[in-house]
Every structure is written in C-alpha cells, then in structure tokens.
PDB file of N, CA and C in Angstrom:
ATOM      1  N   MET A   1     -80.076 -84.080  44.790  1.00  0.00           N
ATOM      2  CA  MET A   1     -81.409 -83.944  43.650  1.00  0.00           C
ATOM      3  C   MET A   1     -81.781 -82.423  44.069  1.00  0.00           C
ATOM      4  N   ARG A   2     -82.420 -82.258  42.970  1.00  0.00           N
ATOM      5  CA  ARG A   2     -83.523 -80.961  42.772  1.00  0.00           C
ATOM      6  C   ARG A   2     -84.829 -81.252  42.770  1.00  0.00           C
ATOM      7  N   HIS A   3     -85.818 -80.163  43.822  1.00  0.00           N
ATOM      8  CA  HIS A   3     -86.868 -80.798  43.980  1.00  0.00           C
ATOM      9  C   HIS A   3     -87.622 -80.138  42.843  1.00  0.00           C
ATOM     10  N   CYS A   4     -88.501 -80.429  41.981  1.00  0.00           N
ATOM     11  CA  CYS A   4     -89.470 -79.970  41.177  1.00  0.00           C
ATOM     12  C   CYS A   4     -90.739 -79.267  41.399  1.00  0.00           C
ATOM     13  N   ALA A   5     -91.447 -78.404  40.436  1.00  0.00           N
ATOM     14  CA  ALA A   5     -92.026 -77.461  41.327  1.00  0.00           C
ATOM     15  C   ALA A   5     -93.218 -78.145  41.964  1.00  0.00           C
ATOM     16  N   ILE A   6     -93.439 -79.458  41.121  1.00  0.00           N
ATOM     17  CA  ILE A   6     -95.328 -80.012  41.446  1.00  0.00           C
ATOM     18  C   ILE A   6     -94.240 -80.749  43.398  1.00  0.00           C
ATOM     19  N   ARG A   7     -95.048 -80.539  44.189  1.00  0.00           N
ATOM     20  CA  ARG A   7     -94.497 -80.938  45.292  1.00  0.00           C
ATOM     21  C   ARG A   7     -95.420 -81.807  45.581  1.00  0.00           C
ATOM     22  N   VAL A   8     -95.011 -82.938  46.163  1.00  0.00           N
ATOM     23  CA  VAL A   8     -95.803 -84.480  46.645  1.00  0.00           C
ATOM     24  C   VAL A   8     -95.831 -84.435  48.264  1.00  0.00           C
ATOM     25  N   PRO A   9     -96.967 -85.153  48.734  1.00  0.00           N
ATOM     26  CA  PRO A   9     -97.026 -84.928  49.806  1.00  0.00           C
ATOM     27  C   PRO A   9     -95.942 -85.554  50.575  1.00  0.00           C
ATOM     28  N   GLU A  10     -96.138 -84.821  51.535  1.00  0.00           N
ATOM     29  CA  GLU A  10     -94.497 -85.584  52.595  1.00  0.00           C
ATOM     30  C   GLU A  10     -94.705 -86.687  52.779  1.00  0.00           C
ATOM     31  N   GLY A  11     -93.581 -87.568  52.634  1.00  0.00           N
ATOM     32  CA  GLY A  11     -93.602 -88.947  52.916  1.00  0.00           C
ATOM     33  C   GLY A  11     -93.589 -89.752  51.579  1.00  0.00           C
ATOM     34  N   ALA A  12     -94.370 -89.113  50.467  1.00  0.00           N
ATOM     35  CA  ALA A  12     -94.137 -89.895  49.271  1.00  0.00           C
ATOM     36  C   ALA A  12     -93.316 -90.271  48.730  1.00  0.00           C
ATOM     37  N   MET A  13     -92.951 -91.170  47.922  1.00  0.00           N
ATOM     38  CA  MET A  13     -91.557 -91.451  46.990  1.00  0.00           C
ATOM     39  C   MET A  13     -91.947 -91.456  45.539  1.00  0.00           C
ATOM     40  N   SER A  14     -91.081 -90.646  44.690  1.00  0.00           N
ATOM     41  CA  SER A  14     -91.572 -90.607  43.057  1.00  0.00           C
ATOM     42  C   SER A  14     -90.956 -91.854  42.778  1.00  0.00           C
ATOM     43  N   GLU A  15     -91.712 -92.259  41.802  1.00  0.00           N
ATOM     44  CA  GLU A  15     -90.809 -93.161  40.814  1.00  0.00           C
ATOM     45  C   GLU A  15     -89.607 -93.163  40.742  1.00  0.00           C
ATOM     46  N   ALA A  16     -88.666 -91.969  40.123  1.00  0.00           N
ATOM     47  CA  ALA A  16     -87.300 -92.231  40.412  1.00  0.00           C
ATOM     48  C   ALA A  16     -86.749 -92.250  41.586  1.00  0.00           C
ATOM     49  N   GLU A  17     -87.576 -91.941  42.647  1.00  0.00           N
ATOM     50  CA  GLU A  17     -86.329 -92.203  44.095  1.00  0.00           C
ATOM     51  C   GLU A  17     -86.998 -93.755  43.990  1.00  0.00           C
ATOM     52  N   PHE A  18     -87.939 -94.424  43.940  1.00  0.00           N
ATOM     53  CA  PHE A  18     -87.557 -95.577  44.347  1.00  0.00           C
ATOM     54  C   PHE A  18     -87.291 -96.037  43.549  1.00  0.00           C
ATOM     55  N   ASN A  19     -86.771 -96.039  42.272  1.00  0.00           N
ATOM     56  CA  ASN A  19     -85.629 -96.745  41.501  1.00  0.00           C
ATOM     57  C   ASN A  19     -84.139 -96.828  41.978  1.00  0.00           C
ATOM     58  N   LEU A  20     -84.382 -95.546  42.037  1.00  0.00           N
ATOM     59  CA  LEU A  20     -82.632 -95.059  43.108  1.00  0.00           C
ATOM     60  C   LEU A  20     -82.906 -95.973  44.256  1.00  0.00           C
ATOM     61  N   LEU A  21     -84.016 -95.581  44.891  1.00  0.00           N
ATOM     62  CA  LEU A  21     -83.545 -96.794  46.495  1.00  0.00           C
ATOM     63  C   LEU A  21     -83.919 -98.362  45.967  1.00  0.00           C
ATOM     64  N   LEU A  22     -84.036 -98.718  44.605  1.00  0.00           N
ATOM     65  CA  LEU A  22     -84.016-100.524  44.427  1.00  0.00           C
ATOM     66  C   LEU A  22     -82.633-100.647  43.881  1.00  0.00           C
ATOM     67  N   ASP A  23     -81.789 -99.622  43.195  1.00  0.00           N
ATOM     68  CA  ASP A  23     -80.597 -99.707  42.658  1.00  0.00           C
ATOM     69  C   ASP A  23     -79.399 -99.791  43.996  1.00  0.00           C
ATOM     70  N   ALA A  24     -79.706 -98.716  44.812  1.00  0.00           N
ATOM     71  CA  ALA A  24     -78.784 -98.959  46.198  1.00  0.00           C
ATOM     72  C   ALA A  24     -79.452-100.401  46.633  1.00  0.00           C
ATOM     73  N   VAL A  25     -80.510-100.930  46.775  1.00  0.00           N
ATOM     74  CA  VAL A  25     -80.572-102.001  47.327  1.00  0.00           C
ATOM     75  C   VAL A  25     -79.846-103.150  46.477  1.00  0.00           C
ATOM     76  N   ARG A  26     -80.085-103.589  45.329  1.00  0.00           N
ATOM     77  CA  ARG A  26     -79.213-103.969  44.530  1.00  0.00           C
ATOM     78  C   ARG A  26     -77.746-104.457  44.781  1.00  0.00           C
ATOM     79  N   ASP A  27     -77.222-102.947  44.704  1.00  0.00           N
ATOM     80  CA  ASP A  27     -75.970-102.714  44.870  1.00  0.00           C
ATOM     81  C   ASP A  27     -75.411-103.402  46.061  1.00  0.00           C
ATOM     82  N   ALA A  28     -76.221-103.479  47.397  1.00  0.00           N
ATOM     83  CA  ALA A  28     -75.423-103.562  48.432  1.00  0.00           C
ATOM     84  C   ALA A  28     -75.797-105.248  48.211  1.00  0.00           C
ATOM     85  N   ILE A  29     -76.452-105.509  47.699  1.00  0.00           N
ATOM     86  CA  ILE A  29     -76.590-107.328  48.093  1.00  0.00           C
ATOM     87  C   ILE A  29     -75.748-107.740  47.245  1.00  0.00           C
ATOM     88  N   VAL A  30     -75.214-107.679  46.094  1.00  0.00           N
ATOM     89  CA  VAL A  30     -74.683-107.947  45.356  1.00  0.00           C
ATOM     90  C   VAL A  30     -73.164-107.224  45.837  1.00  0.00           C
ATOM     91  N   HIS A  31     -72.720-106.268  46.181  1.00  0.00           N
ATOM     92  CA  HIS A  31     -71.240-105.679  46.669  1.00  0.00           C
ATOM     93  C   HIS A  31     -70.570-107.014  46.802  1.00  0.00           C
ATOM     94  N   ASP A  32     -69.092-107.097  46.491  1.00  0.00           N
ATOM     95  CA  ASP A  32     -68.245-108.208  47.425  1.00  0.00           C
ATOM     96  C   ASP A  32     -68.303-108.392  48.850  1.00  0.00           C
ATOM     97  N   ASP A  33     -68.040-106.821  49.362  1.00  0.00           N
ATOM     98  CA  ASP A  33     -67.994-106.543  50.847  1.00  0.00           C
ATOM     99  C   ASP A  33     -69.141-107.281  51.775  1.00  0.00           C
ATOM    100  N   PHE A  34     -70.279-107.277  50.695  1.00  0.00           N
ATOM    101  CA  PHE A  34     -71.643-107.783  51.604  1.00  0.00           C
ATOM    102  C   PHE A  34     -71.270-109.263  52.280  1.00  0.00           C
ATOM    103  N   ALA A  35     -71.266-109.226  53.544  1.00  0.00           N
ATOM    104  CA  ALA A  35     -71.065-110.536  54.006  1.00  0.00           C
ATOM    105  C   ALA A  35     -73.002-110.975  55.140  1.00  0.00           C
ATOM    106  N   PRO A  36     -73.075-112.202  55.012  1.00  0.00           N
ATOM    107  CA  PRO A  36     -74.306-112.530  55.722  1.00  0.00           C
ATOM    108  C   PRO A  36     -73.725-112.701  57.052  1.00  0.00           C
ATOM    109  N   ALA A  37     -74.976-112.363  57.817  1.00  0.00           N
ATOM    110  CA  ALA A  37     -75.056-112.322  58.841  1.00  0.00           C
ATOM    111  C   ALA A  37     -74.417-113.885  59.413  1.00  0.00           C
ATOM    112  N   PRO A  38     -73.773-114.129  60.988  1.00  0.00           N
ATOM    113  CA  PRO A  38     -73.523-115.571  60.965  1.00  0.00           C
ATOM    114  C   PRO A  38     -74.424-116.852  61.498  1.00  0.00           C
ATOM    115  N   GLU A  39     -74.571-117.407  61.310  1.00  0.00           N
ATOM    116  CA  GLU A  39     -75.308-118.523  61.674  1.00  0.00           C
ATOM    117  C   GLU A  39     -75.810-118.659  63.343  1.00  0.00           C
ATOM    118  N   GLU A  40     -75.017-118.062  63.735  1.00  0.00           N
ATOM    119  CA  GLU A  40     -75.444-118.450  65.861  1.00  0.00           C
ATOM    120  C   GLU A  40     -75.989-116.855  66.033  1.00  0.00           C
ATOM    121  N   GLU A  41     -76.481-116.173  64.694  1.00  0.00           N
ATOM    122  CA  GLU A  41     -77.429-114.504  65.289  1.00  0.00           C
ATOM    123  C   GLU A  41     -78.508-115.171  65.257  1.00  0.00           C
ATOM    124  N   PHE A  42     -78.915-116.280  64.206  1.00  0.00           N
ATOM    125  CA  PHE A  42     -80.238-116.601  63.874  1.00  0.00           C
ATOM    126  C   PHE A  42     -80.500-117.643  64.665  1.00  0.00           C
ATOM    127  N   VAL A  43     -81.005-117.376  66.115  1.00  0.00           N
ATOM    128  CA  VAL A  43     -81.283-118.459  67.005  1.00  0.00           C
ATOM    129  C   VAL A  43     -82.752-118.337  66.944  1.00  0.00           C
ATOM    130  N   PRO A  44     -83.048-119.810  66.501  1.00  0.00           N
ATOM    131  CA  PRO A  44     -84.788-119.590  67.264  1.00  0.00           C
ATOM    132  C   PRO A  44     -84.826-119.289  68.248  1.00  0.00           C
ATOM    133  N   ARG A  45     -86.539-118.480  68.446  1.00  0.00           N
ATOM    134  CA  ARG A  45     -86.782-118.206  69.825  1.00  0.00           C
ATOM    135  C   ARG A  45     -88.157-118.386  69.700  1.00  0.00           C
ATOM    136  N   SER A  46     -88.424-119.091  71.154  1.00  0.00           N
ATOM    137  CA  SER A  46     -90.153-119.284  70.999  1.00  0.00           C
ATOM    138  C   SER A  46     -90.600-117.925  72.105  1.00  0.00           C
ATOM    139  N   TRP A  47     -92.073-118.057  70.791  1.00  0.00           N
ATOM    140  CA  TRP A  47     -92.606-116.970  71.482  1.00  0.00           C
ATOM    141  C   TRP A  47     -94.381-117.004  71.994  1.00  0.00           C
ATOM    142  N   SER A  48     -93.806-116.666  73.209  1.00  0.00           N
ATOM    143  CA  SER A  48     -95.139-116.570  73.909  1.00  0.00           C
ATOM    144  C   SER A  48     -95.956-115.162  74.721  1.00  0.00           C
ATOM    145  N   PHE A  49     -96.920-115.366  74.568  1.00  0.00           N
ATOM    146  CA  PHE A  49     -97.877-114.147  75.573  1.00  0.00           C
ATOM    147  C   PHE A  49     -98.867-114.846  76.783  1.00  0.00           C
ATOM    148  N   ASP A  50     -99.146-113.915  77.377  1.00  0.00           N
ATOM    149  CA  ASP A  50     -99.683-114.017  77.914  1.00  0.00           C
ATOM    150  C   ASP A  50    -100.745-113.860  78.077  1.00  0.00           C
ATOM    151  N   ALA A  51    -101.033-112.263  77.259  1.00  0.00           N
ATOM    152  CA  ALA A  51    -102.844-111.672  76.985  1.00  0.00           C
ATOM    153  C   ALA A  51    -102.546-111.674  75.448  1.00  0.00           C
ATOM    154  N   THR A  52    -104.069-111.636  74.746  1.00  0.00           N
ATOM    155  CA  THR A  52    -104.233-111.701  73.889  1.00  0.00           C
ATOM    156  C   THR A  52    -103.479-110.287  73.081  1.00  0.00           C
ATOM    157  N   PRO A  53    -103.405-110.466  71.581  1.00  0.00           N
ATOM    158  CA  PRO A  53    -102.878-109.117  71.266  1.00  0.00           C
ATOM    159  C   PRO A  53    -104.034-108.279  70.813  1.00  0.00           C
ATOM    160  N   LYS A  54    -103.901-106.652  70.916  1.00  0.00           N
ATOM    161  CA  LYS A  54    -105.416-106.148  71.452  1.00  0.00           C
ATOM    162  C   LYS A  54    -105.173-105.221  69.651  1.00  0.00           C
ATOM    163  N   ALA A  55    -105.868-105.308  68.787  1.00  0.00           N
ATOM    164  CA  ALA A  55    -105.938-104.519  67.793  1.00  0.00           C
ATOM    165  C   ALA A  55    -105.833-103.391  67.763  1.00  0.00           C
ATOM    166  N   ALA A  56    -105.108-103.063  66.458  1.00  0.00           N
ATOM    167  CA  ALA A  56    -104.466-101.499  66.692  1.00  0.00           C
ATOM    168  C   ALA A  56    -105.474-100.756  66.405  1.00  0.00           C
ATOM    169  N   ASN A  57    -106.807-100.857  65.761  1.00  0.00           N
ATOM    170  CA  ASN A  57    -108.311 -99.973  65.853  1.00  0.00           C
ATOM    171  C   ASN A  57    -108.880-100.346  66.991  1.00  0.00           C
ATOM    172  N   ASP A  58    -108.658-100.778  67.930  1.00  0.00           N
ATOM    173  CA  ASP A  58    -109.738-100.753  69.098  1.00  0.00           C
ATOM    174  C   ASP A  58    -109.649-100.019  70.053  1.00  0.00           C
ATOM    175  N   ASN A  59    -110.528 -99.036  70.038  1.00  0.00           N
ATOM    176  CA  ASN A  59    -110.713 -97.684  70.669  1.00  0.00           C
ATOM    177  C   ASN A  59    -112.000 -98.164  71.429  1.00  0.00           C
ATOM    178  N   GLU A  60    -111.606 -99.229  71.934  1.00  0.00           N
ATOM    179  CA  GLU A  60    -112.679 -99.821  73.117  1.00  0.00           C
ATOM    180  C   GLU A  60    -114.467 -99.150  73.142  1.00  0.00           C
ATOM    181  N   GLY A  61    -114.331 -99.331  71.520  1.00  0.00           N
ATOM    182  CA  GLY A  61    -116.182 -99.215  71.331  1.00  0.00           C
ATOM    183  C   GLY A  61    -117.020 -99.412  70.377  1.00  0.00           C
ATOM    184  N   ALA A  62    -118.069 -99.424  69.741  1.00  0.00           N
ATOM    185  CA  ALA A  62    -118.443 -99.899  68.273  1.00  0.00           C
ATOM    186  C   ALA A  62    -118.501 -98.487  67.397  1.00  0.00           C
ATOM    187  N   TRP A  63    -118.020 -98.508  66.933  1.00  0.00           N
ATOM    188  CA  TRP A  63    -117.992 -97.261  65.443  1.00  0.00           C
ATOM    189  C   TRP A  63    -119.267 -97.313  64.789  1.00  0.00           C
ATOM    190  N   PRO A  64    -119.444 -95.968  64.773  1.00  0.00           N
ATOM    191  CA  PRO A  64    -121.243 -95.266  64.489  1.00  0.00           C
ATOM    192  C   PRO A  64    -121.334 -95.409  62.889  1.00  0.00           C
ATOM    193  N   MET A  65    -122.337 -96.066  62.530  1.00  0.00           N
ATOM    194  CA  MET A  65    -122.568 -96.562  61.325  1.00  0.00           C
ATOM    195  C   MET A  65    -122.803 -94.631  60.093  1.00  0.00           C
ATOM    196  N   LEU A  66    -122.039 -95.011  59.414  1.00  0.00           N
ATOM    197  CA  LEU A  66    -121.699 -93.992  58.490  1.00  0.00           C
ATOM    198  C   LEU A  66    -122.572 -94.043  57.239  1.00  0.00           C
ATOM    199  N   PRO A  67    -123.583 -93.228  57.020  1.00  0.00           N
ATOM    200  CA  PRO A  67    -124.477 -93.458  56.226  1.00  0.00           C
ATOM    201  C   PRO A  67    -123.559 -93.011  54.465  1.00  0.00           C
ATOM    202  N   PHE A  68    -124.156 -93.831  53.388  1.00  0.00           N
ATOM    203  CA  PHE A  68    -123.103 -93.384  52.105  1.00  0.00           C
ATOM    204  C   PHE A  68    -124.211 -92.220  51.469  1.00  0.00           C
ATOM    205  N   PRO A  69    -123.758 -91.660  50.998  1.00  0.00           N
ATOM    206  CA  PRO A  69    -123.721 -90.473  49.834  1.00  0.00           C
ATOM    207  C   PRO A  69    -125.286 -90.531  49.126  1.00  0.00           C
ATOM    208  N   ASP A  70    -125.989 -89.549  48.914  1.00  0.00           N
ATOM    209  CA  ASP A  70    -127.281 -90.102  47.997  1.00  0.00           C
ATOM    210  C   ASP A  70    -126.230 -90.286  46.449  1.00  0.00           C
ATOM    211  N   GLY A  71    -127.081 -91.634  46.374  1.00  0.00           N
ATOM    212  CA  GLY A  71    -127.027 -92.088  45.138  1.00  0.00           C
ATOM    213  C   GLY A  71    -125.885 -93.960  45.218  1.00  0.00           C
ATOM    214  N   TRP A  72    -125.443 -93.607  46.473  1.00  0.00           N
ATOM    215  CA  TRP A  72    -124.460 -94.658  46.602  1.00  0.00           C
ATOM    216  C   TRP A  72    -125.135 -95.870  47.115  1.00  0.00           C
ATOM    217  N   TYR A  73    -124.681 -97.041  47.080  1.00  0.00           N
ATOM    218  CA  TYR A  73    -125.066 -98.048  47.388  1.00  0.00           C
ATOM    219  C   TYR A  73    -123.934 -99.698  47.574  1.00  0.00           C
ATOM    220  N   ALA A  74    -124.303-100.323  48.501  1.00  0.00           N
ATOM    221  CA  ALA A  74    -123.199-101.112  49.008  1.00  0.00           C
ATOM    222  C   ALA A  74    -124.139-102.750  48.964  1.00  0.00           C
ATOM    223  N   ALA A  75    -123.438-103.687  48.021  1.00  0.00           N
ATOM    224  CA  ALA A  75    -124.122-104.740  48.261  1.00  0.00           C
ATOM    225  C   ALA A  75    -122.879-106.164  48.639  1.00  0.00           C
ATOM    226  N   CYS A  76    -122.999-107.078  49.486  1.00  0.00           N
ATOM    227  CA  CYS A  76    -122.735-108.011  50.131  1.00  0.00           C
ATOM    228  C   CYS A  76    -122.364-109.298  49.028  1.00  0.00           C
TER     229      CYS A  76
END
C-alpha cells in the first residue's frame, strides 16, 4: 500500500484501511478453518475486588474551573 501526500495523524485509520480491516475480519470468521474455542475455555469466573476501583482520571484533586471564551455560554 502506498501512502499519499496528505498525511493523517499517527494512529488514525483511513476509511479504505478500515474497510480492508473489516474485510479481513469477515474473511477470517467465514473461513472454513475457523474453529470456535472449546467450551471448557469459557469457564465462568467470579470476580471479586477488595478495593473500589479508582477512576482513570482521578489525580487526587479538584480540577480548576476553566472560564469560557468571550461570547460562549453554557446551560444545563
């Protein structure tokens, strides 16, 4: 595949690349050699946690209020 002159941000996927990925996944699922995992691999497990999960954006402090730019308003 040849890259065009217009660069997309690193990690971004074009629509054509996304469609190729979907086609590859569809082919893998439909392919005759595709065998589902044996049932014994799907053993139910009990999930238990001793501590409450910490939020991913919790940085131990209140975030400062950021003012809106002039002319911008918010409503709830």
